[in-house]
Protein backbone atom coordinates (compact mmCIF):
# COMPACT_ATOMS: atom_id res chain seq x y z
CA UNK A 1 0.00 0.00 0.00
CA UNK A 2 1.18 3.50 -0.80
CA UNK A 3 -0.11 6.81 0.57
CA UNK A 4 0.51 10.01 -1.43
CA UNK A 5 -0.45 13.51 -0.35
CA UNK A 6 -0.13 16.19 -3.05
CA UNK A 7 0.01 19.61 -1.36
CA UNK A 8 -0.35 21.42 -4.67
CA UNK A 9 -3.72 19.81 -5.48
CA UNK A 10 -4.63 19.03 -1.83
CA UNK A 11 -5.44 15.41 -2.68
CA UNK A 12 -4.74 12.31 -0.63
CA UNK A 13 -4.39 8.99 -2.46
CA UNK A 14 -4.36 5.57 -0.87
CA UNK A 15 -3.07 3.14 -3.49
CA UNK A 16 -3.98 -0.38 -2.43
CA UNK A 17 -2.76 -2.29 -5.51
CA UNK A 18 -0.43 -1.27 -8.31
CA UNK A 19 -2.72 -2.29 -11.14
CA UNK A 20 -4.62 -0.63 -13.97
CA UNK A 21 -7.77 1.29 -13.13
CA UNK A 22 -10.80 0.15 -15.11
CA UNK A 23 -13.52 2.28 -13.50
CA UNK A 24 -13.88 5.14 -11.01
CA UNK A 25 -16.86 6.16 -8.91
CA UNK A 26 -17.34 9.34 -6.90
CA UNK A 27 -19.20 7.97 -3.87
CA UNK A 28 -19.68 11.39 -2.34
CA UNK A 29 -18.38 14.79 -3.39
CA UNK A 30 -14.58 14.60 -3.20
CA UNK A 31 -14.35 10.85 -2.46
CA UNK A 32 -13.33 8.76 -5.48
CA UNK A 33 -12.93 4.98 -5.51
CA UNK A 34 -11.01 3.31 -8.35
CA UNK A 35 -11.62 -0.31 -9.39
CA UNK A 36 -9.68 -2.84 -11.45
CA UNK A 37 -11.12 -5.01 -14.25
CA UNK A 38 -12.40 -7.52 -11.66
CA UNK A 39 -14.27 -4.84 -9.71
CA UNK A 40 -11.85 -4.85 -6.77
CA UNK A 41 -10.84 -1.56 -5.15
CA UNK A 42 -7.45 -0.34 -6.40
CA UNK A 43 -7.25 3.11 -4.81
CA UNK A 44 -9.11 5.75 -2.84
CA UNK A 45 -8.72 9.47 -3.57
CA UNK A 46 -9.81 12.26 -1.26
CA UNK A 47 -10.14 15.76 -2.75
CA UNK A 48 -9.65 18.78 -0.43
CA UNK A 49 -7.79 16.49 1.96
CA UNK A 50 -6.67 19.27 4.32
CA UNK A 51 -10.35 20.04 5.02
CA UNK A 52 -11.15 16.37 5.80
CA UNK A 53 -7.98 14.96 7.40
CA UNK A 54 -6.48 16.36 10.59
CA UNK A 55 -2.87 15.93 9.36
CA UNK A 56 -2.68 15.00 5.67
CA UNK A 57 1.14 15.14 5.74
CA UNK A 58 1.45 12.67 8.62
CA UNK A 59 0.60 8.99 8.97
CA UNK A 60 -0.05 6.85 12.03
CA UNK A 61 0.36 3.20 11.11
CA UNK A 62 -1.11 0.60 13.46
CA UNK A 63 -0.34 -3.10 13.23
CA UNK A 64 -2.33 -5.40 15.55
CA UNK A 65 -2.38 -3.08 18.53
CA UNK A 66 1.13 -1.67 17.99
CA UNK A 67 1.25 2.03 17.09
CA UNK A 68 4.13 3.38 15.01
CA UNK A 69 4.33 7.02 13.91
CA UNK A 70 5.78 7.71 10.46
PDB file of N, CA and C in Angstrom:
ATOM      1  N   UNK A   1       0.846  -1.173   0.000  1.00  0.00           N
ATOM      2  CA  UNK A   1       0.000   0.000   0.000  1.00  0.00           C
ATOM      3  C   UNK A   1       0.889   1.233   0.000  1.00  0.00           C
ATOM      4  N   UNK A   2       0.436   2.245  -0.705  1.00  0.00           N
ATOM      5  CA  UNK A   2       1.177   3.500  -0.801  1.00  0.00           C
ATOM      6  C   UNK A   2       0.209   4.644  -0.513  1.00  0.00           C
ATOM      7  N   UNK A   3       0.685   5.630   0.256  1.00  0.00           N
ATOM      8  CA  UNK A   3      -0.113   6.812   0.568  1.00  0.00           C
ATOM      9  C   UNK A   3       0.613   8.022   0.007  1.00  0.00           C
ATOM     10  N   UNK A   4      -0.096   8.830  -0.807  1.00  0.00           N
ATOM     11  CA  UNK A   4       0.506  10.005  -1.427  1.00  0.00           C
ATOM     12  C   UNK A   4      -0.365  11.218  -1.123  1.00  0.00           C
ATOM     13  N   UNK A   5       0.254  12.245  -0.545  1.00  0.00           N
ATOM     14  CA  UNK A   5      -0.448  13.512  -0.348  1.00  0.00           C
ATOM     15  C   UNK A   5       0.197  14.536  -1.261  1.00  0.00           C
ATOM     16  N   UNK A   6      -0.598  15.157  -2.127  1.00  0.00           N
ATOM     17  CA  UNK A   6      -0.127  16.189  -3.046  1.00  0.00           C
ATOM     18  C   UNK A   6      -0.586  17.540  -2.506  1.00  0.00           C
ATOM     19  N   UNK A   7       0.352  18.307  -1.947  1.00  0.00           N
ATOM     20  CA  UNK A   7       0.014  19.607  -1.360  1.00  0.00           C
ATOM     21  C   UNK A   7      -0.499  20.586  -2.407  1.00  0.00           C
ATOM     22  N   UNK A   8       0.037  20.496  -3.611  1.00  0.00           N
ATOM     23  CA  UNK A   8      -0.345  21.418  -4.674  1.00  0.00           C
ATOM     24  C   UNK A   8      -1.828  21.290  -5.041  1.00  0.00           C
ATOM     25  N   UNK A   9      -2.316  20.044  -5.125  1.00  0.00           N
ATOM     26  CA  UNK A   9      -3.722  19.815  -5.477  1.00  0.00           C
ATOM     27  C   UNK A   9      -4.584  19.506  -4.255  1.00  0.00           C
ATOM     28  N   UNK A  10      -3.959  19.362  -3.083  1.00  0.00           N
ATOM     29  CA  UNK A  10      -4.632  19.028  -1.828  1.00  0.00           C
ATOM     30  C   UNK A  10      -5.443  17.737  -1.958  1.00  0.00           C
ATOM     31  N   UNK A  11      -4.794  16.719  -2.548  1.00  0.00           N
ATOM     32  CA  UNK A  11      -5.435  15.410  -2.685  1.00  0.00           C
ATOM     33  C   UNK A  11      -4.632  14.359  -1.924  1.00  0.00           C
ATOM     34  N   UNK A  12      -5.343  13.424  -1.347  1.00  0.00           N
ATOM     35  CA  UNK A  12      -4.740  12.307  -0.627  1.00  0.00           C
ATOM     36  C   UNK A  12      -5.137  11.035  -1.346  1.00  0.00           C
ATOM     37  N   UNK A  13      -4.144  10.247  -1.759  1.00  0.00           N
ATOM     38  CA  UNK A  13      -4.388   8.990  -2.465  1.00  0.00           C
ATOM     39  C   UNK A  13      -3.890   7.820  -1.649  1.00  0.00           C
ATOM     40  N   UNK A  14      -4.741   6.827  -1.479  1.00  0.00           N
ATOM     41  CA  UNK A  14      -4.356   5.565  -0.866  1.00  0.00           C
ATOM     42  C   UNK A  14      -4.366   4.529  -1.979  1.00  0.00           C
ATOM     43  N   UNK A  15      -3.195   4.099  -2.392  1.00  0.00           N
ATOM     44  CA  UNK A  15      -3.074   3.141  -3.486  1.00  0.00           C
ATOM     45  C   UNK A  15      -2.930   1.755  -2.859  1.00  0.00           C
ATOM     46  N   UNK A  16      -3.943   0.930  -3.060  1.00  0.00           N
ATOM     47  CA  UNK A  16      -3.984  -0.385  -2.435  1.00  0.00           C
ATOM     48  C   UNK A  16      -3.290  -1.449  -3.270  1.00  0.00           C
ATOM     49  N   UNK A  17      -3.408  -1.348  -4.590  1.00  0.00           N
ATOM     50  CA  UNK A  17      -2.762  -2.286  -5.515  1.00  0.00           C
ATOM     51  C   UNK A  17      -2.216  -1.511  -6.692  1.00  0.00           C
ATOM     52  N   UNK A  18      -1.035  -1.902  -7.146  1.00  0.00           N
ATOM     53  CA  UNK A  18      -0.428  -1.268  -8.307  1.00  0.00           C
ATOM     54  C   UNK A  18      -0.905  -2.003  -9.563  1.00  0.00           C
ATOM     55  N   UNK A  19      -2.114  -1.645  -9.978  1.00  0.00           N
ATOM     56  CA  UNK A  19      -2.715  -2.286 -11.141  1.00  0.00           C
ATOM     57  C   UNK A  19      -3.537  -1.247 -11.908  1.00  0.00           C
ATOM     58  N   UNK A  20      -3.880  -1.572 -13.116  1.00  0.00           N
ATOM     59  CA  UNK A  20      -4.616  -0.634 -13.973  1.00  0.00           C
ATOM     60  C   UNK A  20      -6.018  -0.367 -13.434  1.00  0.00           C
ATOM     61  N   UNK A  21      -6.433   0.883 -13.548  1.00  0.00           N
ATOM     62  CA  UNK A  21      -7.771   1.286 -13.126  1.00  0.00           C
ATOM     63  C   UNK A  21      -8.724   1.115 -14.299  1.00  0.00           C
ATOM     64  N   UNK A  22      -9.798   0.393 -14.077  1.00  0.00           N
ATOM     65  CA  UNK A  22     -10.804   0.150 -15.114  1.00  0.00           C
ATOM     66  C   UNK A  22     -11.979   1.118 -14.983  1.00  0.00           C
ATOM     67  N   UNK A  23     -12.340   1.459 -13.734  1.00  0.00           N
ATOM     68  CA  UNK A  23     -13.519   2.280 -13.501  1.00  0.00           C
ATOM     69  C   UNK A  23     -13.325   3.100 -12.228  1.00  0.00           C
ATOM     70  N   UNK A  24     -13.927   4.272 -12.192  1.00  0.00           N
ATOM     71  CA  UNK A  24     -13.882   5.141 -11.014  1.00  0.00           C
ATOM     72  C   UNK A  24     -15.294   5.603 -10.675  1.00  0.00           C
ATOM     73  N   UNK A  25     -15.575   5.665  -9.389  1.00  0.00           N
ATOM     74  CA  UNK A  25     -16.865   6.161  -8.912  1.00  0.00           C
ATOM     75  C   UNK A  25     -16.631   7.219  -7.852  1.00  0.00           C
ATOM     76  N   UNK A  26     -17.375   8.323  -7.939  1.00  0.00           N
ATOM     77  CA  UNK A  26     -17.336   9.339  -6.896  1.00  0.00           C
ATOM     78  C   UNK A  26     -18.495   9.028  -5.952  1.00  0.00           C
ATOM     79  N   UNK A  27     -18.170   8.394  -4.808  1.00  0.00           N
ATOM     80  CA  UNK A  27     -19.203   7.972  -3.874  1.00  0.00           C
ATOM     81  C   UNK A  27     -19.927   9.150  -3.249  1.00  0.00           C
ATOM     82  N   UNK A  28     -19.159  10.130  -2.853  1.00  0.00           N
ATOM     83  CA  UNK A  28     -19.676  11.394  -2.344  1.00  0.00           C
ATOM     84  C   UNK A  28     -18.782  12.467  -2.929  1.00  0.00           C
ATOM     85  N   UNK A  29     -19.187  13.711  -2.838  1.00  0.00           N
ATOM     86  CA  UNK A  29     -18.376  14.793  -3.389  1.00  0.00           C
ATOM     87  C   UNK A  29     -16.977  14.766  -2.779  1.00  0.00           C
ATOM     88  N   UNK A  30     -15.972  14.585  -3.636  1.00  0.00           N
ATOM     89  CA  UNK A  30     -14.581  14.597  -3.203  1.00  0.00           C
ATOM     90  C   UNK A  30     -14.031  13.265  -2.750  1.00  0.00           C
ATOM     91  N   UNK A  31     -14.811  12.186  -2.843  1.00  0.00           N
ATOM     92  CA  UNK A  31     -14.347  10.847  -2.459  1.00  0.00           C
ATOM     93  C   UNK A  31     -14.488   9.919  -3.657  1.00  0.00           C
ATOM     94  N   UNK A  32     -13.345   9.551  -4.241  1.00  0.00           N
ATOM     95  CA  UNK A  32     -13.327   8.760  -5.475  1.00  0.00           C
ATOM     96  C   UNK A  32     -12.717   7.396  -5.205  1.00  0.00           C
ATOM     97  N   UNK A  33     -13.402   6.357  -5.637  1.00  0.00           N
ATOM     98  CA  UNK A  33     -12.926   4.983  -5.505  1.00  0.00           C
ATOM     99  C   UNK A  33     -12.619   4.459  -6.900  1.00  0.00           C
ATOM    100  N   UNK A  34     -11.426   3.888  -7.069  1.00  0.00           N
ATOM    101  CA  UNK A  34     -11.008   3.314  -8.354  1.00  0.00           C
ATOM    102  C   UNK A  34     -11.037   1.791  -8.254  1.00  0.00           C
ATOM    103  N   UNK A  35     -11.473   1.151  -9.336  1.00  0.00           N
ATOM    104  CA  UNK A  35     -11.620  -0.307  -9.387  1.00  0.00           C
ATOM    105  C   UNK A  35     -10.802  -0.891 -10.537  1.00  0.00           C
ATOM    106  N   UNK A  36     -10.373  -2.150 -10.374  1.00  0.00           N
ATOM    107  CA  UNK A  36      -9.681  -2.839 -11.454  1.00  0.00           C
ATOM    108  C   UNK A  36     -10.707  -3.551 -12.337  1.00  0.00           C
ATOM    109  N   UNK A  37     -10.240  -4.323 -13.295  1.00  0.00           N
ATOM    110  CA  UNK A  37     -11.120  -5.011 -14.249  1.00  0.00           C
ATOM    111  C   UNK A  37     -12.017  -6.042 -13.564  1.00  0.00           C
ATOM    112  N   UNK A  38     -11.606  -6.534 -12.394  1.00  0.00           N
ATOM    113  CA  UNK A  38     -12.397  -7.524 -11.656  1.00  0.00           C
ATOM    114  C   UNK A  38     -13.372  -6.879 -10.674  1.00  0.00           C
ATOM    115  N   UNK A  39     -13.368  -5.541 -10.619  1.00  0.00           N
ATOM    116  CA  UNK A  39     -14.267  -4.838  -9.712  1.00  0.00           C
ATOM    117  C   UNK A  39     -13.736  -4.677  -8.301  1.00  0.00           C
ATOM    118  N   UNK A  40     -12.470  -4.987  -8.095  1.00  0.00           N
ATOM    119  CA  UNK A  40     -11.852  -4.847  -6.772  1.00  0.00           C
ATOM    120  C   UNK A  40     -11.293  -3.433  -6.619  1.00  0.00           C
ATOM    121  N   UNK A  41     -11.337  -2.915  -5.404  1.00  0.00           N
ATOM    122  CA  UNK A  41     -10.842  -1.563  -5.148  1.00  0.00           C
ATOM    123  C   UNK A  41      -9.332  -1.516  -5.332  1.00  0.00           C
ATOM    124  N   UNK A  42      -8.866  -0.542  -6.114  1.00  0.00           N
ATOM    125  CA  UNK A  42      -7.454  -0.339  -6.402  1.00  0.00           C
ATOM    126  C   UNK A  42      -6.914   0.843  -5.597  1.00  0.00           C
ATOM    127  N   UNK A  43      -7.707   1.933  -5.541  1.00  0.00           N
ATOM    128  CA  UNK A  43      -7.246   3.115  -4.812  1.00  0.00           C
ATOM    129  C   UNK A  43      -8.430   3.963  -4.357  1.00  0.00           C
ATOM    130  N   UNK A  44      -8.131   4.826  -3.395  1.00  0.00           N
ATOM    131  CA  UNK A  44      -9.109   5.751  -2.840  1.00  0.00           C
ATOM    132  C   UNK A  44      -8.486   7.140  -2.899  1.00  0.00           C
ATOM    133  N   UNK A  45      -9.221   8.104  -3.450  1.00  0.00           N
ATOM    134  CA  UNK A  45      -8.718   9.468  -3.570  1.00  0.00           C
ATOM    135  C   UNK A  45      -9.647  10.413  -2.823  1.00  0.00           C
ATOM    136  N   UNK A  46      -9.060  11.269  -2.019  1.00  0.00           N
ATOM    137  CA  UNK A  46      -9.810  12.256  -1.256  1.00  0.00           C
ATOM    138  C   UNK A  46      -9.401  13.647  -1.718  1.00  0.00           C
ATOM    139  N   UNK A  47     -10.361  14.384  -2.282  1.00  0.00           N
ATOM    140  CA  UNK A  47     -10.141  15.756  -2.747  1.00  0.00           C
ATOM    141  C   UNK A  47     -10.319  16.700  -1.553  1.00  0.00           C
ATOM    142  N   UNK A  48      -9.616  17.836  -1.554  1.00  0.00           N
ATOM    143  CA  UNK A  48      -9.645  18.781  -0.427  1.00  0.00           C
ATOM    144  C   UNK A  48      -9.274  18.081   0.880  1.00  0.00           C
ATOM    145  N   UNK A  49      -8.203  17.319   0.825  1.00  0.00           N
ATOM    146  CA  UNK A  49      -7.787  16.493   1.956  1.00  0.00           C
ATOM    147  C   UNK A  49      -7.556  17.297   3.230  1.00  0.00           C
ATOM    148  N   UNK A  50      -6.974  18.481   3.112  1.00  0.00           N
ATOM    149  CA  UNK A  50      -6.671  19.269   4.319  1.00  0.00           C
ATOM    150  C   UNK A  50      -7.936  19.699   5.059  1.00  0.00           C
ATOM    151  N   UNK A  51      -9.077  19.694   4.376  1.00  0.00           N
ATOM    152  CA  UNK A  51     -10.351  20.037   5.015  1.00  0.00           C
ATOM    153  C   UNK A  51     -10.990  18.816   5.681  1.00  0.00           C
ATOM    154  N   UNK A  52     -10.526  17.606   5.314  1.00  0.00           N
ATOM    155  CA  UNK A  52     -11.146  16.369   5.796  1.00  0.00           C
ATOM    156  C   UNK A  52     -10.241  15.505   6.663  1.00  0.00           C
ATOM    157  N   UNK A  53      -8.944  15.756   6.641  1.00  0.00           N
ATOM    158  CA  UNK A  53      -7.979  14.956   7.398  1.00  0.00           C
ATOM    159  C   UNK A  53      -7.243  15.883   8.336  1.00  0.00           C
ATOM    160  N   UNK A  54      -7.110  15.467   9.607  1.00  0.00           N
ATOM    161  CA  UNK A  54      -6.478  16.356  10.590  1.00  0.00           C
ATOM    162  C   UNK A  54      -5.022  16.674  10.240  1.00  0.00           C
ATOM    163  N   UNK A  55      -4.254  15.697   9.766  1.00  0.00           N
ATOM    164  CA  UNK A  55      -2.868  15.928   9.362  1.00  0.00           C
ATOM    165  C   UNK A  55      -2.583  15.161   8.071  1.00  0.00           C
ATOM    166  N   UNK A  56      -2.883  15.735   6.913  1.00  0.00           N
ATOM    167  CA  UNK A  56      -2.682  14.999   5.665  1.00  0.00           C
ATOM    168  C   UNK A  56      -1.219  14.701   5.353  1.00  0.00           C
ATOM    169  N   UNK A  57      -0.292  15.393   5.997  1.00  0.00           N
ATOM    170  CA  UNK A  57       1.138  15.145   5.743  1.00  0.00           C
ATOM    171  C   UNK A  57       1.742  14.146   6.721  1.00  0.00           C
ATOM    172  N   UNK A  58       0.947  13.637   7.651  1.00  0.00           N
ATOM    173  CA  UNK A  58       1.454  12.672   8.621  1.00  0.00           C
ATOM    174  C   UNK A  58       0.629  11.395   8.599  1.00  0.00           C
ATOM    175  N   UNK A  59       1.274  10.288   8.973  1.00  0.00           N
ATOM    176  CA  UNK A  59       0.598   8.990   8.969  1.00  0.00           C
ATOM    177  C   UNK A  59       0.869   8.297  10.306  1.00  0.00           C
ATOM    178  N   UNK A  60      -0.181   7.717  10.862  1.00  0.00           N
ATOM    179  CA  UNK A  60      -0.047   6.851  12.029  1.00  0.00           C
ATOM    180  C   UNK A  60      -0.403   5.456  11.549  1.00  0.00           C
ATOM    181  N   UNK A  61       0.548   4.556  11.605  1.00  0.00           N
ATOM    182  CA  UNK A  61       0.355   3.199  11.108  1.00  0.00           C
ATOM    183  C   UNK A  61       0.205   2.282  12.311  1.00  0.00           C
ATOM    184  N   UNK A  62      -0.869   1.501  12.338  1.00  0.00           N
ATOM    185  CA  UNK A  62      -1.108   0.602  13.458  1.00  0.00           C
ATOM    186  C   UNK A  62      -1.156  -0.827  12.950  1.00  0.00           C
ATOM    187  N   UNK A  63      -0.404  -1.695  13.610  1.00  0.00           N
ATOM    188  CA  UNK A  63      -0.344  -3.100  13.232  1.00  0.00           C
ATOM    189  C   UNK A  63      -0.680  -3.951  14.449  1.00  0.00           C
ATOM    190  N   UNK A  64      -1.874  -4.518  14.472  1.00  0.00           N
ATOM    191  CA  UNK A  64      -2.335  -5.396  15.554  1.00  0.00           C
ATOM    192  C   UNK A  64      -2.025  -4.856  16.940  1.00  0.00           C
ATOM    193  N   UNK A  65      -2.517  -3.657  17.207  1.00  0.00           N
ATOM    194  CA  UNK A  65      -2.381  -3.085  18.526  1.00  0.00           C
ATOM    195  C   UNK A  65      -1.079  -2.332  18.781  1.00  0.00           C
ATOM    196  N   UNK A  66      -0.131  -2.373  17.842  1.00  0.00           N
ATOM    197  CA  UNK A  66       1.131  -1.667  17.985  1.00  0.00           C
ATOM    198  C   UNK A  66       1.062  -0.387  17.171  1.00  0.00           C
ATOM    199  N   UNK A  67       1.291   0.760  17.802  1.00  0.00           N
ATOM    200  CA  UNK A  67       1.248   2.029  17.089  1.00  0.00           C
ATOM    201  C   UNK A  67       2.658   2.488  16.744  1.00  0.00           C
ATOM    202  N   UNK A  68       2.852   2.868  15.480  1.00  0.00           N
ATOM    203  CA  UNK A  68       4.131   3.375  15.013  1.00  0.00           C
ATOM    204  C   UNK A  68       3.878   4.646  14.229  1.00  0.00           C
ATOM    205  N   UNK A  69       4.487   5.746  14.633  1.00  0.00           N
ATOM    206  CA  UNK A  69       4.328   7.018  13.908  1.00  0.00           C
ATOM    207  C   UNK A  69       5.329   7.070  12.775  1.00  0.00           C
ATOM    208  N   UNK A  70       4.893   7.557  11.631  1.00  0.00           N
ATOM    209  CA  UNK A  70       5.784   7.708  10.459  1.00  0.00           C
ATOM    210  C   UNK A  70       5.879   9.155  10.106  1.00  0.00           C
TER     211      UNK A  70
END
